[in-house]
PDB file of N, CA and C in Angstrom:
ATOM      1  N   MET A   1      17.512  -3.475  34.163  1.00  0.00           N
ATOM      2  CA  MET A   1      18.228  -3.734  32.920  1.00  0.00           C
ATOM      3  C   MET A   1      17.379  -3.252  31.757  1.00  0.00           C
ATOM      4  N   ALA A   2      17.922  -2.406  30.935  1.00  0.00           N
ATOM      5  CA  ALA A   2      17.184  -1.857  29.796  1.00  0.00           C
ATOM      6  C   ALA A   2      17.004  -2.924  28.723  1.00  0.00           C
ATOM      7  N   GLN A   3      15.797  -2.939  28.175  1.00  0.00           N
ATOM      8  CA  GLN A   3      15.504  -3.913  27.121  1.00  0.00           C
ATOM      9  C   GLN A   3      15.731  -3.294  25.760  1.00  0.00           C
ATOM     10  N   ASP A   4      16.210  -4.091  24.868  1.00  0.00           N
ATOM     11  CA  ASP A   4      16.334  -3.672  23.474  1.00  0.00           C
ATOM     12  C   ASP A   4      14.928  -3.449  22.928  1.00  0.00           C
ATOM     13  N   LYS A   5      14.721  -2.376  22.165  1.00  0.00           N
ATOM     14  CA  LYS A   5      13.390  -2.055  21.654  1.00  0.00           C
ATOM     15  C   LYS A   5      12.821  -3.183  20.798  1.00  0.00           C
ATOM     16  N   LEU A   6      13.688  -3.910  20.080  1.00  0.00           N
ATOM     17  CA  LEU A   6      13.181  -5.003  19.257  1.00  0.00           C
ATOM     18  C   LEU A   6      12.677  -6.154  20.109  1.00  0.00           C
ATOM     19  N   SER A   7      13.227  -6.330  21.304  1.00  0.00           N
ATOM     20  CA  SER A   7      12.750  -7.415  22.156  1.00  0.00           C
ATOM     21  C   SER A   7      11.522  -6.995  22.958  1.00  0.00           C
ATOM     22  N   ASP A   8      11.260  -5.723  23.035  1.00  0.00           N
ATOM     23  CA  ASP A   8      10.091  -5.211  23.734  1.00  0.00           C
ATOM     24  C   ASP A   8       9.016  -4.907  22.695  1.00  0.00           C
ATOM     25  N   GLY A   9       8.126  -5.857  22.457  1.00  0.00           N
ATOM     26  CA  GLY A   9       7.123  -5.740  21.410  1.00  0.00           C
ATOM     27  C   GLY A   9       6.289  -4.478  21.500  1.00  0.00           C
ATOM     28  N   ALA A  10       5.865  -4.098  22.699  1.00  0.00           N
ATOM     29  CA  ALA A  10       5.012  -2.918  22.849  1.00  0.00           C
ATOM     30  C   ALA A  10       5.753  -1.649  22.441  1.00  0.00           C
ATOM     31  N   SER A  11       7.000  -1.512  22.855  1.00  0.00           N
ATOM     32  CA  SER A  11       7.774  -0.326  22.491  1.00  0.00           C
ATOM     33  C   SER A  11       8.008  -0.271  20.990  1.00  0.00           C
ATOM     34  N   PHE A  12       8.288  -1.419  20.401  1.00  0.00           N
ATOM     35  CA  PHE A  12       8.533  -1.474  18.961  1.00  0.00           C
ATOM     36  C   PHE A  12       7.290  -1.030  18.189  1.00  0.00           C
ATOM     37  N   VAL A  13       6.125  -1.536  18.583  1.00  0.00           N
ATOM     38  CA  VAL A  13       4.877  -1.169  17.913  1.00  0.00           C
ATOM     39  C   VAL A  13       4.577   0.304  18.136  1.00  0.00           C
ATOM     40  N   ASP A  14       4.784   0.804  19.339  1.00  0.00           N
ATOM     41  CA  ASP A  14       4.549   2.224  19.609  1.00  0.00           C
ATOM     42  C   ASP A  14       5.464   3.104  18.763  1.00  0.00           C
ATOM     43  N   ASP A  15       6.727   2.710  18.633  1.00  0.00           N
ATOM     44  CA  ASP A  15       7.652   3.474  17.792  1.00  0.00           C
ATOM     45  C   ASP A  15       7.223   3.428  16.332  1.00  0.00           C
ATOM     46  N   LEU A  16       6.732   2.286  15.910  1.00  0.00           N
ATOM     47  CA  LEU A  16       6.272   2.127  14.536  1.00  0.00           C
ATOM     48  C   LEU A  16       5.071   3.032  14.267  1.00  0.00           C
ATOM     49  N   LYS A  17       4.185   3.163  15.241  1.00  0.00           N
ATOM     50  CA  LYS A  17       2.977   3.970  15.074  1.00  0.00           C
ATOM     51  C   LYS A  17       3.250   5.469  15.096  1.00  0.00           C
ATOM     52  N   ALA A  18       4.301   5.877  15.754  1.00  0.00           N
ATOM     53  CA  ALA A  18       4.580   7.304  15.906  1.00  0.00           C
ATOM     54  C   ALA A  18       4.718   7.973  14.546  1.00  0.00           C
ATOM     55  N   ASP A  19       3.956   9.020  14.347  1.00  0.00           N
ATOM     56  CA  ASP A  19       3.992   9.790  13.103  1.00  0.00           C
ATOM     57  C   ASP A  19       3.715   8.942  11.864  1.00  0.00           C
ATOM     58  N   SER A  20       2.910   7.904  12.010  1.00  0.00           N
ATOM     59  CA  SER A  20       2.585   7.031  10.878  1.00  0.00           C
ATOM     60  C   SER A  20       1.230   7.389  10.292  1.00  0.00           C
ATOM     61  N   LEU A  21       1.103   7.106   9.031  1.00  0.00           N
ATOM     62  CA  LEU A  21      -0.169   7.244   8.331  1.00  0.00           C
ATOM     63  C   LEU A  21      -0.248   6.102   7.323  1.00  0.00           C
ATOM     64  N   ALA A  22      -1.326   5.367   7.355  1.00  0.00           N
ATOM     65  CA  ALA A  22      -1.536   4.296   6.385  1.00  0.00           C
ATOM     66  C   ALA A  22      -2.352   4.849   5.224  1.00  0.00           C
ATOM     67  N   VAL A  23      -1.846   4.691   4.034  1.00  0.00           N
ATOM     68  CA  VAL A  23      -2.554   5.099   2.828  1.00  0.00           C
ATOM     69  C   VAL A  23      -2.979   3.810   2.145  1.00  0.00           C
ATOM     70  N   VAL A  24      -4.286   3.593   2.095  1.00  0.00           N
ATOM     71  CA  VAL A  24      -4.841   2.345   1.584  1.00  0.00           C
ATOM     72  C   VAL A  24      -5.704   2.640   0.372  1.00  0.00           C
ATOM     73  N   GLU A  25      -5.536   1.835  -0.652  1.00  0.00           N
ATOM     74  CA  GLU A  25      -6.351   2.008  -1.850  1.00  0.00           C
ATOM     75  C   GLU A  25      -7.780   1.566  -1.553  1.00  0.00           C
ATOM     76  N   LEU A  26      -8.729   2.406  -1.867  1.00  0.00           N
ATOM     77  CA  LEU A  26     -10.144   2.109  -1.675  1.00  0.00           C
ATOM     78  C   LEU A  26     -10.596   1.272  -2.860  1.00  0.00           C
ATOM     79  N   VAL A  27     -10.753  -0.007  -2.622  1.00  0.00           N
ATOM     80  CA  VAL A  27     -11.066  -0.945  -3.697  1.00  0.00           C
ATOM     81  C   VAL A  27     -12.456  -1.540  -3.518  1.00  0.00           C
ATOM     82  N   HIS A  28     -12.894  -2.219  -4.548  1.00  0.00           N
ATOM     83  CA  HIS A  28     -14.201  -2.884  -4.535  1.00  0.00           C
ATOM     84  C   HIS A  28     -14.118  -4.114  -5.419  1.00  0.00           C
ATOM     85  N   SER A  29     -15.148  -4.921  -5.386  1.00  0.00           N
ATOM     86  CA  SER A  29     -15.156  -6.109  -6.234  1.00  0.00           C
ATOM     87  C   SER A  29     -15.256  -5.684  -7.698  1.00  0.00           C
ATOM     88  N   MET A  30     -14.757  -6.551  -8.549  1.00  0.00           N
ATOM     89  CA  MET A  30     -14.744  -6.261  -9.985  1.00  0.00           C
ATOM     90  C   MET A  30     -15.808  -7.102 -10.688  1.00  0.00           C
ATOM     91  N   PRO A  31     -16.459  -6.543 -11.694  1.00  0.00           N
ATOM     92  CA  PRO A  31     -17.428  -7.323 -12.460  1.00  0.00           C
ATOM     93  C   PRO A  31     -16.755  -8.541 -13.089  1.00  0.00           C
ATOM     94  N   LYS A  32     -17.495  -9.609 -13.175  1.00  0.00           N
ATOM     95  CA  LYS A  32     -17.047 -10.873 -13.774  1.00  0.00           C
ATOM     96  C   LYS A  32     -15.958 -11.576 -12.976  1.00  0.00           C
ATOM     97  N   GLN A  33     -15.678 -11.097 -11.774  1.00  0.00           N
ATOM     98  CA  GLN A  33     -14.722 -11.780 -10.908  1.00  0.00           C
ATOM     99  C   GLN A  33     -15.481 -12.888 -10.186  1.00  0.00           C
ATOM    100  N   GLY A  34     -14.880 -14.024 -10.040  1.00  0.00           N
ATOM    101  CA  GLY A  34     -15.539 -15.156  -9.400  1.00  0.00           C
ATOM    102  C   GLY A  34     -15.901 -14.885  -7.952  1.00  0.00           C
ATOM    103  N   VAL A  35     -16.906 -15.602  -7.482  1.00  0.00           N
ATOM    104  CA  VAL A  35     -17.380 -15.418  -6.110  1.00  0.00           C
ATOM    105  C   VAL A  35     -16.289 -15.772  -5.105  1.00  0.00           C
ATOM    106  N   ALA A  36     -15.610 -16.881  -5.323  1.00  0.00           N
ATOM    107  CA  ALA A  36     -14.573 -17.320  -4.374  1.00  0.00           C
ATOM    108  C   ALA A  36     -13.419 -16.321  -4.331  1.00  0.00           C
ATOM    109  N   SER A  37     -12.974 -15.859  -5.494  1.00  0.00           N
ATOM    110  CA  SER A  37     -11.848 -14.915  -5.498  1.00  0.00           C
ATOM    111  C   SER A  37     -12.264 -13.568  -4.911  1.00  0.00           C
ATOM    112  N   THR A  38     -13.500 -13.148  -5.151  1.00  0.00           N
ATOM    113  CA  THR A  38     -14.001 -11.911  -4.559  1.00  0.00           C
ATOM    114  C   THR A  38     -14.023 -12.027  -3.037  1.00  0.00           C
ATOM    115  N   PHE A  39     -14.457 -13.174  -2.534  1.00  0.00           N
ATOM    116  CA  PHE A  39     -14.510 -13.383  -1.092  1.00  0.00           C
ATOM    117  C   PHE A  39     -13.099 -13.350  -0.500  1.00  0.00           C
ATOM    118  N   LYS A  40     -12.151 -14.046  -1.113  1.00  0.00           N
ATOM    119  CA  LYS A  40     -10.771 -14.062  -0.624  1.00  0.00           C
ATOM    120  C   LYS A  40     -10.175 -12.653  -0.628  1.00  0.00           C
ATOM    121  N   PHE A  41     -10.435 -11.921  -1.694  1.00  0.00           N
ATOM    122  CA  PHE A  41      -9.930 -10.560  -1.792  1.00  0.00           C
ATOM    123  C   PHE A  41     -10.522  -9.693  -0.676  1.00  0.00           C
ATOM    124  N   GLY A  42     -11.823  -9.820  -0.457  1.00  0.00           N
ATOM    125  CA  GLY A  42     -12.487  -9.045   0.592  1.00  0.00           C
ATOM    126  C   GLY A  42     -11.958  -9.368   1.977  1.00  0.00           C
ATOM    127  N   VAL A  43     -11.684 -10.636   2.225  1.00  0.00           N
ATOM    128  CA  VAL A  43     -11.129 -11.039   3.520  1.00  0.00           C
ATOM    129  C   VAL A  43      -9.751 -10.407   3.718  1.00  0.00           C
ATOM    130  N   ALA A  44      -8.891 -10.499   2.710  1.00  0.00           N
ATOM    131  CA  ALA A  44      -7.545  -9.932   2.827  1.00  0.00           C
ATOM    132  C   ALA A  44      -7.602  -8.412   3.014  1.00  0.00           C
ATOM    133  N   TYR A  45      -8.477  -7.756   2.261  1.00  0.00           N
ATOM    134  CA  TYR A  45      -8.624  -6.306   2.369  1.00  0.00           C
ATOM    135  C   TYR A  45      -9.127  -5.926   3.764  1.00  0.00           C
ATOM    136  N   GLY A  46     -10.089  -6.654   4.258  1.00  0.00           N
ATOM    137  CA  GLY A  46     -10.616  -6.395   5.601  1.00  0.00           C
ATOM    138  C   GLY A  46      -9.583  -6.640   6.691  1.00  0.00           C
ATOM    139  N   MET A  47      -8.772  -7.676   6.516  1.00  0.00           N
ATOM    140  CA  MET A  47      -7.724  -7.949   7.507  1.00  0.00           C
ATOM    141  C   MET A  47      -6.686  -6.829   7.526  1.00  0.00           C
ATOM    142  N   ALA A  48      -6.325  -6.333   6.357  1.00  0.00           N
ATOM    143  CA  ALA A  48      -5.355  -5.235   6.302  1.00  0.00           C
ATOM    144  C   ALA A  48      -5.917  -3.997   7.001  1.00  0.00           C
ATOM    145  N   ARG A  49      -7.145  -3.648   6.667  1.00  0.00           N
ATOM    146  CA  ARG A  49      -7.749  -2.469   7.298  1.00  0.00           C
ATOM    147  C   ARG A  49      -7.947  -2.676   8.796  1.00  0.00           C
ATOM    148  N   GLY A  50      -8.324  -3.881   9.187  1.00  0.00           N
ATOM    149  CA  GLY A  50      -8.522  -4.182  10.607  1.00  0.00           C
ATOM    150  C   GLY A  50      -7.228  -4.110  11.398  1.00  0.00           C
ATOM    151  N   THR A  51      -6.144  -4.589  10.823  1.00  0.00           N
ATOM    152  CA  THR A  51      -4.837  -4.534  11.487  1.00  0.00           C
ATOM    153  C   THR A  51      -4.399  -3.093  11.690  1.00  0.00           C
ATOM    154  N   ILE A  52      -4.575  -2.284  10.658  1.00  0.00           N
ATOM    155  CA  ILE A  52      -4.215  -0.869  10.763  1.00  0.00           C
ATOM    156  C   ILE A  52      -5.051  -0.193  11.849  1.00  0.00           C
ATOM    157  N   ALA A  53      -6.348  -0.485  11.866  1.00  0.00           N
ATOM    158  CA  ALA A  53      -7.230   0.107  12.874  1.00  0.00           C
ATOM    159  C   ALA A  53      -6.863  -0.371  14.277  1.00  0.00           C
ATOM    160  N   ALA A  54      -6.554  -1.664  14.425  1.00  0.00           N
ATOM    161  CA  ALA A  54      -6.190  -2.206  15.738  1.00  0.00           C
ATOM    162  C   ALA A  54      -4.909  -1.575  16.269  1.00  0.00           C
ATOM    163  N   MET A  55      -4.002  -1.220  15.358  1.00  0.00           N
ATOM    164  CA  MET A  55      -2.755  -0.564  15.771  1.00  0.00           C
ATOM    165  C   MET A  55      -2.955   0.930  16.012  1.00  0.00           C
ATOM    166  N   GLN A  56      -4.174   1.406  15.777  1.00  0.00           N
ATOM    167  CA  GLN A  56      -4.532   2.811  15.968  1.00  0.00           C
ATOM    168  C   GLN A  56      -3.658   3.743  15.122  1.00  0.00           C
ATOM    169  N   ILE A  57      -3.399   3.308  13.901  1.00  0.00           N
ATOM    170  CA  ILE A  57      -2.658   4.134  12.949  1.00  0.00           C
ATOM    171  C   ILE A  57      -3.695   4.864  12.105  1.00  0.00           C
ATOM    172  N   PRO A  58      -3.589   6.172  11.974  1.00  0.00           N
ATOM    173  CA  PRO A  58      -4.533   6.895  11.127  1.00  0.00           C
ATOM    174  C   PRO A  58      -4.479   6.337   9.701  1.00  0.00           C
ATOM    175  N   MET A  59      -5.662   6.224   9.089  1.00  0.00           N
ATOM    176  CA  MET A  59      -5.767   5.628   7.769  1.00  0.00           C
ATOM    177  C   MET A  59      -6.510   6.562   6.823  1.00  0.00           C
ATOM    178  N   VAL A  60      -5.984   6.679   5.622  1.00  0.00           N
ATOM    179  CA  VAL A  60      -6.634   7.448   4.572  1.00  0.00           C
ATOM    180  C   VAL A  60      -6.905   6.489   3.420  1.00  0.00           C
ATOM    181  N   LEU A  61      -8.140   6.477   2.957  1.00  0.00           N
ATOM    182  CA  LEU A  61      -8.506   5.651   1.809  1.00  0.00           C
ATOM    183  C   LEU A  61      -8.466   6.516   0.559  1.00  0.00           C
ATOM    184  N   VAL A  62      -7.778   6.025  -0.462  1.00  0.00           N
ATOM    185  CA  VAL A  62      -7.612   6.773  -1.704  1.00  0.00           C
ATOM    186  C   VAL A  62      -8.065   5.892  -2.864  1.00  0.00           C
ATOM    187  N   THR A  63      -8.910   6.433  -3.723  1.00  0.00           N
ATOM    188  CA  THR A  63      -9.362   5.663  -4.880  1.00  0.00           C
ATOM    189  C   THR A  63      -8.214   5.520  -5.884  1.00  0.00           C
ATOM    190  N   PRO A  64      -8.224   4.429  -6.650  1.00  0.00           N
ATOM    191  CA  PRO A  64      -7.186   4.271  -7.669  1.00  0.00           C
ATOM    192  C   PRO A  64      -7.169   5.439  -8.659  1.00  0.00           C
ATOM    193  N   ASN A  65      -8.348   5.926  -9.036  1.00  0.00           N
ATOM    194  CA  ASN A  65      -8.403   7.042  -9.981  1.00  0.00           C
ATOM    195  C   ASN A  65      -7.678   8.273  -9.450  1.00  0.00           C
ATOM    196  N   LYS A  66      -7.810   8.525  -8.158  1.00  0.00           N
ATOM    197  CA  LYS A  66      -7.219   9.738  -7.588  1.00  0.00           C
ATOM    198  C   LYS A  66      -5.696   9.680  -7.604  1.00  0.00           C
ATOM    199  N   TRP A  67      -5.097   8.607  -7.096  1.00  0.00           N
ATOM    200  CA  TRP A  67      -3.642   8.577  -7.041  1.00  0.00           C
ATOM    201  C   TRP A  67      -3.029   8.339  -8.414  1.00  0.00           C
ATOM    202  N   LYS A  68      -3.715   7.588  -9.276  1.00  0.00           N
ATOM    203  CA  LYS A  68      -3.178   7.359 -10.623  1.00  0.00           C
ATOM    204  C   LYS A  68      -3.239   8.637 -11.467  1.00  0.00           C
ATOM    205  N   LYS A  69      -4.269   9.441 -11.261  1.00  0.00           N
ATOM    206  CA  LYS A  69      -4.367  10.718 -11.973  1.00  0.00           C
ATOM    207  C   LYS A  69      -3.202  11.621 -11.586  1.00  0.00           C
ATOM    208  N   PHE A  70      -2.802  11.586 -10.330  1.00  0.00           N
ATOM    209  CA  PHE A  70      -1.674  12.378  -9.840  1.00  0.00           C
ATOM    210  C   PHE A  70      -0.398  12.079 -10.627  1.00  0.00           C
ATOM    211  N   TYR A  71      -0.227  10.815 -11.029  1.00  0.00           N
ATOM    212  CA  TYR A  71       0.955  10.390 -11.784  1.00  0.00           C
ATOM    213  C   TYR A  71       0.684  10.268 -13.289  1.00  0.00           C
ATOM    214  N   SER A  72      -0.484  10.700 -13.726  1.00  0.00           N
ATOM    215  CA  SER A  72      -0.886  10.605 -15.143  1.00  0.00           C
ATOM    216  C   SER A  72      -0.823   9.170 -15.653  1.00  0.00           C
ATOM    217  N   LEU A  73      -1.350   8.246 -14.865  1.00  0.00           N
ATOM    218  CA  LEU A  73      -1.353   6.832 -15.229  1.00  0.00           C
ATOM    219  C   LEU A  73      -2.744   6.383 -15.645  1.00  0.00           C
ATOM    220  N   SER A  74      -2.795   5.428 -16.537  1.00  0.00           N
ATOM    221  CA  SER A  74      -4.060   4.780 -16.888  1.00  0.00           C
ATOM    222  C   SER A  74      -4.173   3.509 -16.043  1.00  0.00           C
ATOM    223  N   SER A  75      -5.079   2.641 -16.396  1.00  0.00           N
ATOM    224  CA  SER A  75      -5.220   1.381 -15.670  1.00  0.00           C
ATOM    225  C   SER A  75      -4.168   0.360 -16.110  1.00  0.00           C
ATOM    226  N   ASP A  76      -3.342   0.699 -17.101  1.00  0.00           N
ATOM    227  CA  ASP A  76      -2.280  -0.181 -17.584  1.00  0.00           C
ATOM    228  C   ASP A  76      -1.216  -0.324 -16.496  1.00  0.00           C
ATOM    229  N   LYS A  77      -1.093  -1.531 -15.973  1.00  0.00           N
ATOM    230  CA  LYS A  77      -0.176  -1.758 -14.857  1.00  0.00           C
ATOM    231  C   LYS A  77       1.285  -1.561 -15.254  1.00  0.00           C
ATOM    232  N   GLU A  78       1.591  -1.754 -16.527  1.00  0.00           N
ATOM    233  CA  GLU A  78       2.967  -1.560 -16.993  1.00  0.00           C
ATOM    234  C   GLU A  78       3.375  -0.085 -16.888  1.00  0.00           C
ATOM    235  N   GLN A  79       2.424   0.823 -17.039  1.00  0.00           N
ATOM    236  CA  GLN A  79       2.730   2.250 -16.867  1.00  0.00           C
ATOM    237  C   GLN A  79       3.184   2.531 -15.439  1.00  0.00           C
ATOM    238  N   ALA A  80       2.521   1.911 -14.462  1.00  0.00           N
ATOM    239  CA  ALA A  80       2.893   2.117 -13.060  1.00  0.00           C
ATOM    240  C   ALA A  80       4.295   1.582 -12.802  1.00  0.00           C
ATOM    241  N   ARG A  81       4.612   0.444 -13.370  1.00  0.00           N
ATOM    242  CA  ARG A  81       5.940  -0.128 -13.181  1.00  0.00           C
ATOM    243  C   ARG A  81       7.007   0.778 -13.804  1.00  0.00           C
ATOM    244  N   ALA A  82       6.725   1.300 -14.997  1.00  0.00           N
ATOM    245  CA  ALA A  82       7.669   2.202 -15.656  1.00  0.00           C
ATOM    246  C   ALA A  82       7.873   3.488 -14.841  1.00  0.00           C
ATOM    247  N   ARG A  83       6.797   4.012 -14.260  1.00  0.00           N
ATOM    248  CA  ARG A  83       6.910   5.235 -13.449  1.00  0.00           C
ATOM    249  C   ARG A  83       7.719   4.959 -12.182  1.00  0.00           C
ATOM    250  N   ALA A  84       7.503   3.806 -11.564  1.00  0.00           N
ATOM    251  CA  ALA A  84       8.269   3.465 -10.361  1.00  0.00           C
ATOM    252  C   ALA A  84       9.759   3.351 -10.690  1.00  0.00           C
ATOM    253  N   ILE A  85      10.071   2.805 -11.844  1.00  0.00           N
ATOM    254  CA  ILE A  85      11.473   2.709 -12.260  1.00  0.00           C
ATOM    255  C   ILE A  85      12.066   4.103 -12.450  1.00  0.00           C
ATOM    256  N   GLN A  86      11.259   5.050 -12.937  1.00  0.00           N
ATOM    257  CA  GLN A  86      11.739   6.432 -13.076  1.00  0.00           C
ATOM    258  C   GLN A  86      12.097   7.034 -11.715  1.00  0.00           C
ATOM    259  N   TYR A  87      11.237   6.775 -10.708  1.00  0.00           N
ATOM    260  CA  TYR A  87      11.479   7.340  -9.383  1.00  0.00           C
ATOM    261  C   TYR A  87      12.586   6.616  -8.633  1.00  0.00           C
ATOM    262  N   TRP A  88      12.685   5.312  -8.821  1.00  0.00           N
ATOM    263  CA  TRP A  88      13.660   4.501  -8.098  1.00  0.00           C
ATOM    264  C   TRP A  88      14.482   3.664  -9.086  1.00  0.00           C
ATOM    265  N   PRO A  89      15.317   4.308  -9.908  1.00  0.00           N
ATOM    266  CA  PRO A  89      16.019   3.587 -10.977  1.00  0.00           C
ATOM    267  C   PRO A  89      17.017   2.538 -10.488  1.00  0.00           C
ATOM    268  N   SER A  90      17.564   2.693  -9.317  1.00  0.00           N
ATOM    269  CA  SER A  90      18.552   1.727  -8.836  1.00  0.00           C
ATOM    270  C   SER A  90      17.923   0.549  -8.088  1.00  0.00           C
ATOM    271  N   SER A  91      16.614   0.567  -7.936  1.00  0.00           N
ATOM    272  CA  SER A  91      15.932  -0.509  -7.218  1.00  0.00           C
ATOM    273  C   SER A  91      15.681  -1.712  -8.126  1.00  0.00           C
ATOM    274  N   ASP A  92      15.883  -2.893  -7.584  1.00  0.00           N
ATOM    275  CA  ASP A  92      15.556  -4.134  -8.305  1.00  0.00           C
ATOM    276  C   ASP A  92      14.120  -4.567  -8.048  1.00  0.00           C
ATOM    277  N   ASN A  93      13.388  -3.825  -7.239  1.00  0.00           N
ATOM    278  CA  ASN A  93      12.037  -4.224  -6.843  1.00  0.00           C
ATOM    279  C   ASN A  93      11.020  -4.170  -7.970  1.00  0.00           C
ATOM    280  N   PHE A  94      11.337  -3.509  -9.066  1.00  0.00           N
ATOM    281  CA  PHE A  94      10.351  -3.327 -10.136  1.00  0.00           C
ATOM    282  C   PHE A  94      10.856  -3.832 -11.488  1.00  0.00           C
ATOM    283  N   ARG A  95      11.913  -4.614 -11.500  1.00  0.00           N
ATOM    284  CA  ARG A  95      12.550  -4.967 -12.765  1.00  0.00           C
ATOM    285  C   ARG A  95      11.764  -5.965 -13.605  1.00  0.00           C
ATOM    286  N   LEU A  96      10.921  -6.777 -13.002  1.00  0.00           N
ATOM    287  CA  LEU A  96      10.149  -7.768 -13.752  1.00  0.00           C
ATOM    288  C   LEU A  96       8.709  -7.307 -13.954  1.00  0.00           C
ATOM    289  N   LYS A  97       8.095  -7.747 -15.061  1.00  0.00           N
ATOM    290  CA  LYS A  97       6.698  -7.369 -15.329  1.00  0.00           C
ATOM    291  C   LYS A  97       5.776  -7.756 -14.186  1.00  0.00           C
ATOM    292  N   LYS A  98       6.058  -8.878 -13.559  1.00  0.00           N
ATOM    293  CA  LYS A  98       5.196  -9.339 -12.464  1.00  0.00           C
ATOM    294  C   LYS A  98       5.297  -8.452 -11.220  1.00  0.00           C
ATOM    295  N   HIS A  99       6.195  -7.492 -11.207  1.00  0.00           N
ATOM    296  CA  HIS A  99       6.369  -6.584 -10.073  1.00  0.00           C
ATOM    297  C   HIS A  99       5.481  -5.344 -10.158  1.00  0.00           C
ATOM    298  N   HIS A 100       4.474  -5.374 -11.018  1.00  0.00           N
ATOM    299  CA  HIS A 100       3.599  -4.205 -11.160  1.00  0.00           C
ATOM    300  C   HIS A 100       2.854  -3.886  -9.868  1.00  0.00           C
ATOM    301  N   GLY A 101       2.511  -4.904  -9.088  1.00  0.00           N
ATOM    302  CA  GLY A 101       1.832  -4.665  -7.812  1.00  0.00           C
ATOM    303  C   GLY A 101       2.722  -3.919  -6.825  1.00  0.00           C
ATOM    304  N   ARG A 102       3.984  -4.285  -6.793  1.00  0.00           N
ATOM    305  CA  ARG A 102       4.949  -3.569  -5.946  1.00  0.00           C
ATOM    306  C   ARG A 102       5.056  -2.117  -6.376  1.00  0.00           C
ATOM    307  N   ALA A 103       5.082  -1.926  -7.687  1.00  0.00           N
ATOM    308  CA  ALA A 103       5.206  -0.567  -8.218  1.00  0.00           C
ATOM    309  C   ALA A 103       4.008   0.275  -7.816  1.00  0.00           C
ATOM    310  N   GLU A 104       2.807  -0.289  -7.940  1.00  0.00           N
ATOM    311  CA  GLU A 104       1.612   0.458  -7.551  1.00  0.00           C
ATOM    312  C   GLU A 104       1.621   0.767  -6.064  1.00  0.00           C
ATOM    313  N   ALA A 105       2.039  -0.178  -5.245  1.00  0.00           N
ATOM    314  CA  ALA A 105       2.104   0.057  -3.795  1.00  0.00           C
ATOM    315  C   ALA A 105       3.100   1.170  -3.464  1.00  0.00           C
ATOM    316  N   ALA A 106       4.246   1.151  -4.125  1.00  0.00           N
ATOM    317  CA  ALA A 106       5.259   2.189  -3.879  1.00  0.00           C
ATOM    318  C   ALA A 106       4.748   3.557  -4.313  1.00  0.00           C
ATOM    319  N   LEU A 107       4.076   3.604  -5.458  1.00  0.00           N
ATOM    320  CA  LEU A 107       3.542   4.885  -5.934  1.00  0.00           C
ATOM    321  C   LEU A 107       2.424   5.393  -5.027  1.00  0.00           C
ATOM    322  N   LEU A 108       1.593   4.491  -4.530  1.00  0.00           N
ATOM    323  CA  LEU A 108       0.532   4.894  -3.596  1.00  0.00           C
ATOM    324  C   LEU A 108       1.152   5.468  -2.315  1.00  0.00           C
ATOM    325  N   ALA A 109       2.205   4.830  -1.813  1.00  0.00           N
ATOM    326  CA  ALA A 109       2.884   5.343  -0.618  1.00  0.00           C
ATOM    327  C   ALA A 109       3.519   6.706  -0.892  1.00  0.00           C
ATOM    328  N   LYS A 110       4.127   6.847  -2.057  1.00  0.00           N
ATOM    329  CA  LYS A 110       4.732   8.138  -2.443  1.00  0.00           C
ATOM    330  C   LYS A 110       3.656   9.210  -2.551  1.00  0.00           C
ATOM    331  N   TYR A 111       2.521   8.859  -3.122  1.00  0.00           N
ATOM    332  CA  TYR A 111       1.387   9.794  -3.209  1.00  0.00           C
ATOM    333  C   TYR A 111       0.994  10.256  -1.802  1.00  0.00           C
ATOM    334  N   GLY A 112       0.853   9.307  -0.890  1.00  0.00           N
ATOM    335  CA  GLY A 112       0.477   9.658   0.477  1.00  0.00           C
ATOM    336  C   GLY A 112       1.492  10.558   1.141  1.00  0.00           C
ATOM    337  N   ALA A 113       2.768  10.267   0.934  1.00  0.00           N
ATOM    338  CA  ALA A 113       3.837  11.078   1.550  1.00  0.00           C
ATOM    339  C   ALA A 113       3.843  12.503   0.994  1.00  0.00           C
ATOM    340  N   GLU A 114       3.530  12.649  -0.277  1.00  0.00           N
ATOM    341  CA  GLU A 114       3.595  13.967  -0.902  1.00  0.00           C
ATOM    342  C   GLU A 114       2.304  14.772  -0.762  1.00  0.00           C
ATOM    343  N   MET A 115       1.172  14.099  -0.716  1.00  0.00           N
ATOM    344  CA  MET A 115      -0.109  14.796  -0.775  1.00  0.00           C
ATOM    345  C   MET A 115      -0.853  14.877   0.558  1.00  0.00           C
ATOM    346  N   LEU A 116      -0.554  13.984   1.480  1.00  0.00           N
ATOM    347  CA  LEU A 116      -1.379  13.939   2.704  1.00  0.00           C
ATOM    348  C   LEU A 116      -0.600  14.435   3.909  1.00  0.00           C
TER     349      LEU A 116
END
């Protein structure tokens, strides 16, 4: 009896990995950031990179300066949100100011798709 790919975890993960590339922002701790928040951030960043590596998905690390320069963005997060709205005007994913992180993630993925 053939199994549905969604019920077969190994097949689903293998299909997900096929022709995949993870584009991850190369980040570091920020000056004046608290020790506890720096530690939490480092743990989350390490878990993301570790998961990608465990799935054997090729990974490219890109500095914020590199991908933001591609889109002519400064460090102003509102600029990234405005640019994402330009690329995806019908999406509700970037409509609120607090969605700047989503916008940056989408732009980083778009950068990877176009440049790598």
